[in-house]
Amino acid sequence: MHDIKAIRENPDAFDAALARRGDAPVSAAVLKLDEARRGMILNAETAQADQNKASKLVGAAKASGDEAEFERLRQLVSDKKAEVAAMQAQAKDLDAQLTDMLARIPNLPTDDVPEGADENDNVEVNRWGDVPSFDFKPVEHYEIGGVAASMDFETAAKVSGARFVMLKGAVARIHRALAQFMVDTHVDHNGLEEHMTPVLVRDEAMYGTDKLPKFGDDSYQTTNGWWLIPTSEVTLTYSVAGDVLDEGTLPRRMTAHTLCFRSEAGSAGRDTSGMLRQHQFEKVEMVSVTHPDASDDEQKRMLRCAEDLLERLGIPYRTVHLCTGDMGFGARRTFDIEAWLPGQNAYREISSVSTTGDFQARRMNARFRPADGGKPQFVHTLNGSGLAVGRCLIAVLENGQRADGSVQLPAVLAPYLGGKTTLGADGTLA
């Protein structure tokens, strides 16, 4: 959510920042609605004052025995009361319209975000690891001999339809091991507090984390109104909604491993093979709630947390700074981490780390009280994948594949796999 005062003070700068995203100017429409809202509030307050003034004269007219004046004033009070109610209702409606308009405007990019129209204009800022070379043609994850029997798309389609998968046996265990490894690393090495959160949330939680109203079609809603979370960013971030936190408790660093659900609206025909793009998947999320002065450094720290996981797993990756035309709706700045997938001969996104500034905090009224006792200020919120578990499984399987259909697994997973380090061509761990 944007600060209406900032738009009033510098509408041209606001429109210029939106233009960097490729969006049309909106300040004129916003300020016109804001002016109408404020004008109606003033009219209602003026009519309320007239009503109060007339109310005080009613008693005096009654006491003086001036029945005609008494009736006139009583009617005036009644008329003013109806007039005030109508104006207040109009002001409330205009306020709701303004709030809805502001809620649909994306966050403004920071000055250092590179200009660009789409993913082709993203800027690579880091690359780690050597892309593996094979003495055979590498295949995609679902085609690897030791994986194929345990990655069952047909049964999942029978049960749920397209874009679902049923993992079995050793592959299911490797998937679980990856999630445990990620959470343990975040808790033991990165100082995040583990949470187990609901996956069903109310409208307010989706709205407060900028998923509503604009992106309702991207998520699933139950018949009784709950939403299935697209990521635990929603639950972790919204946990501070309406709170006034002590400055000394910041930053709050949280992580959660949850199921996630996305309708993948608009992605028809994209990544239909394998488990790269699913309606249901698992992700380990990182969320930080910080002092505004610390949020830029916090984003760098979170980015390193995600990159470090891939380095521990031995997965080559590159990090890109998303351009203005490729950033998400709520982000001020985003870095994507893309893991190397030999089967596709390409880097594919495995994590996004974004700072939203006070964009989400304003929507959910999350603030902190300065240590010096000053006026409460809005916190900054940040979120990042640490990591997408299914996509990490894909990267592990494809980078570790061997000609005979077996897979060499990362050594850091051995403690979670009973000491086993290989997925055999027969689909068993050894």
Protein backbone atom coordinates (compact mmCIF):
# COMPACT_ATOMS: atom_id res chain seq x y z
CA MET A 1 0.00 0.00 0.00
CA HIS A 2 1.22 3.47 -0.82
CA ASP A 3 1.27 6.53 1.42
CA ILE A 4 -1.30 8.96 0.00
CA LYS A 5 0.64 11.86 1.53
CA ALA A 6 3.71 10.96 -0.54
CA ILE A 7 1.60 10.95 -3.73
CA ARG A 8 0.12 14.36 -2.83
CA GLU A 9 3.56 15.82 -2.17
CA ASN A 10 5.25 14.58 -5.35
CA PRO A 11 2.86 13.06 -7.88
CA ASP A 12 5.32 13.41 -10.77
CA ALA A 13 7.98 11.38 -8.97
CA PHE A 14 5.39 8.71 -8.14
CA ASP A 15 4.33 8.38 -11.78
CA ALA A 16 7.96 8.38 -12.93
CA ALA A 17 8.74 5.44 -10.63
CA LEU A 18 5.72 3.53 -11.95
CA ALA A 19 6.81 4.31 -15.51
CA ARG A 20 10.07 2.46 -14.81
CA ARG A 21 7.92 -0.64 -14.29
CA GLY A 22 6.13 0.03 -17.58
CA ASP A 23 2.93 1.15 -15.83
CA ALA A 24 0.78 4.11 -16.85
CA PRO A 25 0.61 7.22 -14.62
CA VAL A 26 -2.07 7.04 -11.93
CA SER A 27 -1.44 10.00 -9.63
CA ALA A 28 -4.05 12.23 -11.29
CA ALA A 29 -6.79 9.62 -10.81
CA VAL A 30 -5.66 8.91 -7.26
CA LEU A 31 -5.57 12.58 -6.27
CA LYS A 32 -8.95 13.30 -7.90
CA LEU A 33 -10.55 10.56 -5.81
CA ASP A 34 -8.64 11.68 -2.73
CA GLU A 35 -9.85 15.27 -3.22
CA ALA A 36 -13.46 14.12 -3.56
CA ARG A 37 -13.11 11.99 -0.41
CA ARG A 38 -11.60 14.82 1.62
CA GLY A 39 -14.19 17.28 0.29
CA MET A 40 -17.02 14.97 1.33
CA ILE A 41 -15.51 14.52 4.79
CA LEU A 42 -15.30 18.32 5.16
CA ASN A 43 -18.91 18.73 4.02
CA ALA A 44 -20.04 16.10 6.51
CA GLU A 45 -18.15 17.81 9.32
CA THR A 46 -19.68 21.20 8.38
CA ALA A 47 -23.18 19.72 8.32
CA GLN A 48 -22.48 18.01 11.64
CA ALA A 49 -21.52 21.37 13.15
CA ASP A 50 -24.74 22.92 11.83
CA GLN A 51 -26.71 20.04 13.31
CA ASN A 52 -25.06 20.46 16.69
CA LYS A 53 -25.69 24.21 16.65
CA ALA A 54 -29.38 23.74 15.79
CA SER A 55 -29.73 21.06 18.48
CA LYS A 56 -28.61 23.52 21.14
CA LEU A 57 -31.24 26.07 19.96
CA VAL A 58 -34.11 23.58 20.04
CA GLY A 59 -34.22 23.57 23.84
CA ALA A 60 -34.14 27.33 24.03
CA ALA A 61 -37.04 27.70 21.58
CA LYS A 62 -39.07 25.17 23.55
CA ALA A 63 -38.37 26.98 26.80
CA SER A 64 -39.40 30.35 25.33
CA GLY A 65 -42.72 28.96 24.16
CA ASP A 66 -41.99 29.79 20.50
CA GLU A 67 -43.66 26.71 19.07
CA ALA A 68 -43.09 27.73 15.44
CA GLU A 69 -39.36 28.25 15.98
CA PHE A 70 -39.19 25.02 17.95
CA GLU A 71 -40.74 23.05 15.07
CA ARG A 72 -38.49 24.74 12.50
CA LEU A 73 -35.36 23.94 14.44
CA ARG A 74 -36.44 20.39 15.17
CA GLN A 75 -37.02 19.81 11.45
CA LEU A 76 -33.65 21.41 10.68
CA VAL A 77 -31.93 19.03 13.09
CA SER A 78 -33.69 16.08 11.49
CA ASP A 79 -32.74 17.22 7.99
CA LYS A 80 -29.14 17.86 8.99
CA LYS A 81 -28.94 14.45 10.65
CA ALA A 82 -30.05 12.76 7.42
CA GLU A 83 -27.70 14.98 5.42
CA VAL A 84 -24.74 14.10 7.67
CA ALA A 85 -25.52 10.37 7.44
CA ALA A 86 -25.68 10.54 3.64
CA MET A 87 -22.42 12.48 3.41
CA GLN A 88 -20.66 10.13 5.81
CA ALA A 89 -21.84 7.15 3.74
CA GLN A 90 -20.53 8.82 0.58
CA ALA A 91 -17.21 9.62 2.27
CA LYS A 92 -16.93 6.00 3.42
CA ASP A 93 -17.62 4.77 -0.11
CA LEU A 94 -15.03 7.15 -1.60
CA ASP A 95 -12.51 6.03 1.02
CA ALA A 96 -13.12 2.39 0.07
CA GLN A 97 -12.66 3.26 -3.61
CA LEU A 98 -9.39 5.07 -2.85
CA THR A 99 -8.11 2.20 -0.71
CA ASP A 100 -8.94 -0.28 -3.48
CA MET A 101 -7.21 1.90 -6.08
CA LEU A 102 -4.08 2.21 -3.96
CA ALA A 103 -4.11 -1.54 -3.24
CA ARG A 104 -3.88 -2.31 -6.96
CA ILE A 105 -0.84 -0.13 -7.62
CA PRO A 106 2.48 -2.05 -7.50
CA ASN A 107 5.36 -1.13 -5.24
CA LEU A 108 7.88 1.41 -6.50
CA PRO A 109 11.32 0.08 -7.48
CA THR A 110 14.41 1.32 -5.69
CA ASP A 111 16.77 3.53 -7.67
CA ASP A 112 19.32 0.73 -8.15
CA VAL A 113 16.90 -1.66 -9.88
CA PRO A 114 18.05 -2.07 -13.51
CA GLU A 115 15.76 -0.79 -16.23
CA GLY A 116 14.17 -3.41 -18.45
CA ALA A 117 11.02 -4.86 -19.93
CA ASP A 118 11.24 -8.56 -19.04
CA GLU A 119 13.49 -11.39 -17.85
CA ASN A 120 15.85 -10.85 -20.78
CA ASP A 121 16.90 -7.55 -19.20
CA ASN A 122 17.79 -9.00 -15.78
CA VAL A 123 21.39 -8.42 -14.73
CA GLU A 124 23.62 -11.27 -13.54
CA VAL A 125 25.47 -10.30 -10.37
CA ASN A 126 27.00 -13.60 -9.25
CA ARG A 127 27.82 -17.05 -10.54
CA TRP A 128 29.01 -20.03 -8.51
CA GLY A 129 30.14 -23.54 -9.36
CA ASP A 130 31.25 -25.27 -12.52
CA VAL A 131 28.56 -26.52 -14.84
CA PRO A 132 29.06 -30.31 -14.88
CA SER A 133 30.23 -32.05 -18.02
CA PHE A 134 28.95 -35.52 -18.89
CA ASP A 135 30.29 -38.22 -21.20
CA PHE A 136 26.64 -38.92 -22.09
CA LYS A 137 23.65 -36.76 -22.94
CA PRO A 138 22.08 -35.68 -19.63
CA VAL A 139 18.33 -36.12 -19.33
CA GLU A 140 15.65 -34.33 -17.38
CA HIS A 141 14.87 -35.42 -13.83
CA TYR A 142 11.85 -37.57 -14.64
CA GLU A 143 13.81 -39.47 -17.32
CA ILE A 144 16.65 -40.61 -15.05
CA GLY A 145 16.52 -44.40 -14.69
CA GLY A 146 16.63 -44.53 -10.90
CA VAL A 147 14.02 -41.77 -10.61
CA ALA A 148 11.36 -42.63 -13.19
CA ALA A 149 9.56 -45.34 -11.22
CA SER A 150 9.37 -43.22 -8.07
CA MET A 151 8.14 -39.99 -9.69
CA ASP A 152 4.60 -40.98 -10.62
CA PHE A 153 2.68 -38.43 -12.67
CA GLU A 154 0.07 -40.89 -13.98
CA THR A 155 -1.23 -41.85 -10.54
CA ALA A 156 -1.20 -38.23 -9.43
CA ALA A 157 -3.22 -37.30 -12.53
CA LYS A 158 -5.72 -40.05 -11.73
CA VAL A 159 -6.11 -38.71 -8.21
CA SER A 160 -5.85 -34.94 -8.79
CA GLY A 161 -5.34 -34.04 -12.46
CA ALA A 162 -2.53 -32.31 -14.30
CA ARG A 163 0.41 -30.55 -12.62
CA PHE A 164 0.60 -32.90 -9.65
CA VAL A 165 3.12 -35.60 -8.82
CA MET A 166 3.24 -38.54 -6.43
CA LEU A 167 6.75 -39.23 -5.11
CA LYS A 168 7.51 -42.68 -3.75
CA GLY A 169 10.30 -44.61 -2.11
CA ALA A 170 13.81 -43.21 -2.16
CA VAL A 171 12.89 -40.11 -4.18
CA ALA A 172 10.25 -39.15 -1.62
CA ARG A 173 12.86 -39.60 1.11
CA ILE A 174 15.39 -37.42 -0.72
CA HIS A 175 12.73 -34.73 -1.08
CA ARG A 176 12.04 -34.88 2.66
CA ALA A 177 15.76 -34.86 3.43
CA LEU A 178 16.23 -31.70 1.40
CA ALA A 179 13.52 -29.89 3.36
CA GLN A 180 14.99 -31.01 6.69
CA PHE A 181 18.47 -29.96 5.59
CA MET A 182 17.21 -26.50 4.62
CA VAL A 183 15.34 -25.88 7.86
CA ASP A 184 18.18 -27.17 10.02
CA THR A 185 20.67 -24.94 8.22
CA HIS A 186 18.48 -21.89 8.63
CA VAL A 187 17.94 -22.59 12.33
CA ASP A 188 21.42 -23.80 13.31
CA HIS A 189 23.56 -21.57 11.08
CA ASN A 190 21.46 -18.64 9.95
CA GLY A 191 19.68 -17.73 13.19
CA LEU A 192 16.11 -18.05 11.92
CA GLU A 193 13.29 -19.16 14.20
CA GLU A 194 11.41 -22.19 12.90
CA HIS A 195 7.62 -21.97 12.63
CA MET A 196 4.94 -24.47 11.71
CA THR A 197 2.14 -22.40 10.20
CA PRO A 198 -1.38 -22.98 8.89
CA VAL A 199 -1.84 -23.34 5.16
CA LEU A 200 -5.38 -21.94 5.28
CA VAL A 201 -5.71 -18.20 5.85
CA ARG A 202 -8.34 -15.47 5.88
CA ASP A 203 -8.82 -12.68 3.34
CA GLU A 204 -7.02 -10.24 5.63
CA ALA A 205 -3.79 -12.24 5.56
CA MET A 206 -3.78 -12.46 1.76
CA TYR A 207 -4.60 -8.76 1.46
CA GLY A 208 -1.97 -7.71 3.99
CA THR A 209 0.76 -9.54 2.07
CA ASP A 210 -0.36 -8.01 -1.27
CA LYS A 211 -1.85 -11.22 -2.75
CA LEU A 212 -5.32 -9.64 -2.84
CA PRO A 213 -7.20 -8.05 -4.48
CA LYS A 214 -5.21 -8.17 -7.70
CA PHE A 215 -4.03 -11.77 -7.73
CA GLY A 216 -6.95 -13.77 -6.43
CA ASP A 217 -6.98 -15.89 -9.60
CA ASP A 218 -3.45 -17.11 -8.81
CA SER A 219 -4.56 -18.82 -5.59
CA TYR A 220 -7.16 -21.33 -4.45
CA GLN A 221 -10.07 -20.44 -2.18
CA THR A 222 -12.19 -22.93 -0.25
CA THR A 223 -15.97 -22.86 -0.32
CA ASN A 224 -16.07 -21.37 3.18
CA GLY A 225 -13.74 -18.52 2.32
CA TRP A 226 -10.28 -19.63 3.43
CA TRP A 227 -7.37 -19.28 1.03
CA LEU A 228 -4.69 -21.93 0.49
CA ILE A 229 -1.37 -20.14 0.90
CA PRO A 230 0.84 -19.64 -2.18
CA THR A 231 3.80 -19.56 0.24
CA SER A 232 4.32 -19.22 3.98
CA GLU A 233 5.40 -15.64 3.32
CA VAL A 234 1.70 -14.98 3.92
CA THR A 235 1.48 -16.58 7.36
CA LEU A 236 4.91 -15.54 8.62
CA THR A 237 4.63 -11.92 7.50
CA TYR A 238 1.04 -11.49 8.63
CA SER A 239 1.94 -12.79 12.09
CA VAL A 240 2.92 -9.20 13.02
CA ALA A 241 -0.20 -7.57 11.54
CA GLY A 242 -1.64 -4.87 13.78
CA ASP A 243 1.29 -5.10 16.20
CA VAL A 244 3.48 -2.33 17.56
CA LEU A 245 6.80 -4.09 18.15
CA ASP A 246 9.57 -2.89 20.41
CA GLU A 247 12.52 -1.72 18.33
CA GLY A 248 14.80 -3.93 20.40
CA THR A 249 13.03 -7.06 19.12
CA LEU A 250 13.99 -6.30 15.51
CA PRO A 251 14.94 -7.95 13.29
CA ARG A 252 12.57 -10.88 13.53
CA ARG A 253 13.88 -13.70 11.35
CA MET A 254 11.56 -16.61 10.65
CA THR A 255 11.48 -19.75 8.54
CA ALA A 256 8.82 -22.36 7.79
CA HIS A 257 8.53 -25.48 5.67
CA THR A 258 5.01 -25.76 4.27
CA LEU A 259 2.90 -27.01 1.46
CA CYS A 260 2.18 -24.24 -1.06
CA PHE A 261 -0.62 -23.97 -3.61
CA ARG A 262 -0.79 -21.97 -6.84
CA SER A 263 -3.30 -22.14 -9.63
CA GLU A 264 -0.60 -21.24 -12.18
CA ALA A 265 -3.11 -18.96 -13.91
CA GLY A 266 -1.71 -17.82 -17.23
CA SER A 267 0.97 -20.53 -17.39
CA ALA A 268 -0.82 -22.91 -19.76
CA GLY A 269 1.66 -24.76 -21.91
CA ARG A 270 4.69 -23.81 -19.78
CA ASP A 271 6.80 -26.55 -18.16
CA THR A 272 4.13 -29.18 -18.57
CA SER A 273 6.64 -32.05 -18.32
CA GLY A 274 8.11 -33.07 -15.00
CA MET A 275 7.60 -31.38 -11.64
CA LEU A 276 9.05 -27.94 -12.32
CA ARG A 277 5.68 -26.16 -12.27
CA GLN A 278 3.07 -27.73 -9.99
CA HIS A 279 -0.21 -26.70 -8.38
CA GLN A 280 0.97 -28.15 -5.04
CA PHE A 281 4.58 -28.02 -3.91
CA GLU A 282 6.74 -27.55 -0.83
CA LYS A 283 8.95 -24.63 0.03
CA VAL A 284 11.11 -23.51 2.90
CA GLU A 285 10.47 -19.79 3.28
CA MET A 286 12.49 -17.06 4.94
CA VAL A 287 10.81 -13.90 6.27
CA SER A 288 12.41 -10.96 8.06
CA VAL A 289 10.72 -8.04 9.80
CA THR A 290 13.20 -5.22 10.23
CA HIS A 291 13.91 -1.61 11.09
CA PRO A 292 13.73 0.49 7.88
CA ASP A 293 17.41 1.41 8.18
CA ALA A 294 18.42 -2.27 8.21
CA SER A 295 16.29 -3.71 5.40
CA ASP A 296 18.82 -3.34 2.57
CA ASP A 297 21.51 -5.17 4.54
CA GLU A 298 18.94 -7.76 5.59
CA GLN A 299 18.15 -8.54 1.97
CA LYS A 300 21.84 -9.17 1.29
CA ARG A 301 22.01 -11.47 4.32
CA MET A 302 18.94 -13.43 3.21
CA LEU A 303 20.33 -13.77 -0.29
CA ARG A 304 23.52 -15.29 1.09
CA CYS A 305 21.49 -17.71 3.21
CA ALA A 306 19.80 -19.04 0.06
CA GLU A 307 22.99 -19.12 -2.02
CA ASP A 308 24.82 -20.95 0.75
CA LEU A 309 22.31 -23.80 0.66
CA LEU A 310 23.07 -24.44 -3.00
CA GLU A 311 26.79 -24.24 -2.35
CA ARG A 312 26.50 -26.81 0.44
CA LEU A 313 24.59 -29.03 -1.99
CA GLY A 314 27.17 -28.46 -4.74
CA ILE A 315 24.58 -27.10 -7.20
CA PRO A 316 25.93 -24.55 -9.71
CA TYR A 317 23.85 -21.39 -9.78
CA ARG A 318 23.73 -17.80 -10.88
CA THR A 319 22.15 -14.81 -9.13
CA VAL A 320 20.36 -12.13 -11.14
CA HIS A 321 19.09 -8.68 -10.19
CA LEU A 322 15.56 -8.49 -11.59
CA CYS A 323 14.85 -5.53 -13.84
CA THR A 324 11.93 -3.15 -13.36
CA GLY A 325 9.75 -5.06 -15.81
CA ASP A 326 10.25 -8.47 -14.21
CA MET A 327 9.77 -7.73 -10.51
CA GLY A 328 6.81 -8.99 -8.53
CA PHE A 329 3.92 -6.72 -7.59
CA GLY A 330 4.95 -6.10 -3.98
CA ALA A 331 8.72 -5.93 -4.40
CA ARG A 332 10.99 -2.88 -4.29
CA ARG A 333 14.01 -4.96 -5.26
CA THR A 334 14.37 -8.66 -6.05
CA PHE A 335 17.25 -11.04 -6.63
CA ASP A 336 16.54 -14.41 -8.22
CA ILE A 337 18.81 -17.42 -7.78
CA GLU A 338 18.77 -19.79 -10.73
CA ALA A 339 20.09 -23.35 -10.38
CA TRP A 340 21.74 -25.14 -13.29
CA LEU A 341 19.59 -27.93 -14.72
CA PRO A 342 21.63 -30.14 -17.10
CA GLY A 343 18.51 -31.78 -18.51
CA GLN A 344 17.30 -28.42 -19.79
CA ASN A 345 20.79 -27.05 -20.40
CA ALA A 346 19.66 -23.90 -18.65
CA TYR A 347 19.55 -22.03 -15.35
CA ARG A 348 16.08 -22.05 -13.78
CA GLU A 349 14.75 -20.06 -10.83
CA ILE A 350 14.98 -21.78 -7.45
CA SER A 351 14.70 -18.78 -5.14
CA SER A 352 13.52 -15.16 -5.13
CA VAL A 353 14.63 -12.81 -2.34
CA SER A 354 12.68 -9.56 -2.17
CA THR A 355 12.38 -6.50 0.00
CA THR A 356 8.97 -4.82 0.08
CA GLY A 357 9.95 -1.83 2.23
CA ASP A 358 6.86 -0.68 4.16
CA PHE A 359 4.50 -1.70 1.32
CA GLN A 360 3.08 -4.72 3.16
CA ALA A 361 3.42 -3.13 6.60
CA ARG A 362 1.06 -0.31 5.61
CA ARG A 363 -1.50 -2.80 4.34
CA MET A 364 -1.48 -4.73 7.62
CA ASN A 365 -0.59 -1.86 9.99
CA ALA A 366 2.59 -3.46 11.34
CA ARG A 367 4.75 -0.95 13.22
CA PHE A 368 7.54 -0.64 15.77
CA ARG A 369 8.05 1.72 18.67
CA PRO A 370 11.43 3.50 18.52
CA ALA A 371 13.71 2.94 21.49
CA ASP A 372 13.73 6.71 22.16
CA GLY A 373 9.98 6.66 22.66
CA GLY A 374 9.11 8.46 19.42
CA LYS A 375 6.04 7.95 17.28
CA PRO A 376 5.52 4.35 16.02
CA GLN A 377 6.85 3.75 12.50
CA PHE A 378 6.10 1.11 9.91
CA VAL A 379 8.45 -1.89 9.84
CA HIS A 380 10.00 -3.22 6.65
CA THR A 381 9.28 -6.77 5.52
CA LEU A 382 11.37 -9.11 3.38
CA ASN A 383 10.79 -12.60 2.04
CA GLY A 384 12.79 -15.22 0.19
CA SER A 385 12.73 -18.87 -0.84
CA GLY A 386 15.22 -20.89 1.08
CA LEU A 387 14.58 -22.99 -1.03
CA ALA A 388 11.83 -24.38 -3.26
CA VAL A 389 12.11 -28.04 -2.25
CA GLY A 390 10.81 -29.66 -5.45
CA ARG A 391 12.98 -27.55 -7.71
CA CYS A 392 15.96 -28.28 -5.50
CA LEU A 393 15.20 -31.99 -5.84
CA ILE A 394 15.24 -31.55 -9.62
CA ALA A 395 18.64 -29.81 -9.46
CA VAL A 396 20.13 -32.48 -7.20
CA LEU A 397 18.93 -35.34 -9.40
CA GLU A 398 19.95 -33.78 -12.71
CA ASN A 399 23.39 -32.57 -11.61
CA GLY A 400 24.20 -35.89 -9.93
CA GLN A 401 22.96 -38.21 -12.68
CA ARG A 402 25.18 -40.94 -14.11
CA ALA A 403 25.11 -42.78 -17.41
CA ASP A 404 23.73 -45.97 -15.81
CA GLY A 405 20.66 -44.17 -14.41
CA SER A 406 21.97 -43.79 -10.88
CA VAL A 407 22.46 -40.47 -9.06
CA GLN A 408 25.33 -39.31 -6.87
CA LEU A 409 23.72 -37.40 -3.99
CA PRO A 410 25.23 -34.44 -2.07
CA ALA A 411 27.25 -35.49 0.97
CA VAL A 412 25.36 -33.03 3.23
CA LEU A 413 22.21 -35.12 2.78
CA ALA A 414 23.80 -38.35 4.06
CA PRO A 415 22.84 -37.73 7.73
CA TYR A 416 19.19 -37.47 6.62
CA LEU A 417 19.39 -40.58 4.45
CA GLY A 418 20.81 -43.05 6.92
CA GLY A 419 24.32 -42.44 5.63
CA LYS A 420 23.38 -43.31 2.04
CA THR A 421 24.97 -41.21 -0.75
CA THR A 422 23.67 -42.78 -3.95
CA LEU A 423 20.32 -43.33 -5.61
CA GLY A 424 20.78 -46.55 -7.51
CA ALA A 425 19.57 -47.22 -11.03
CA ASP A 426 17.04 -49.57 -9.43
CA GLY A 427 15.56 -46.70 -7.40
CA THR A 428 17.02 -47.70 -4.01
CA LEU A 429 19.42 -45.82 -1.76
CA ALA A 430 22.94 -47.14 -1.27
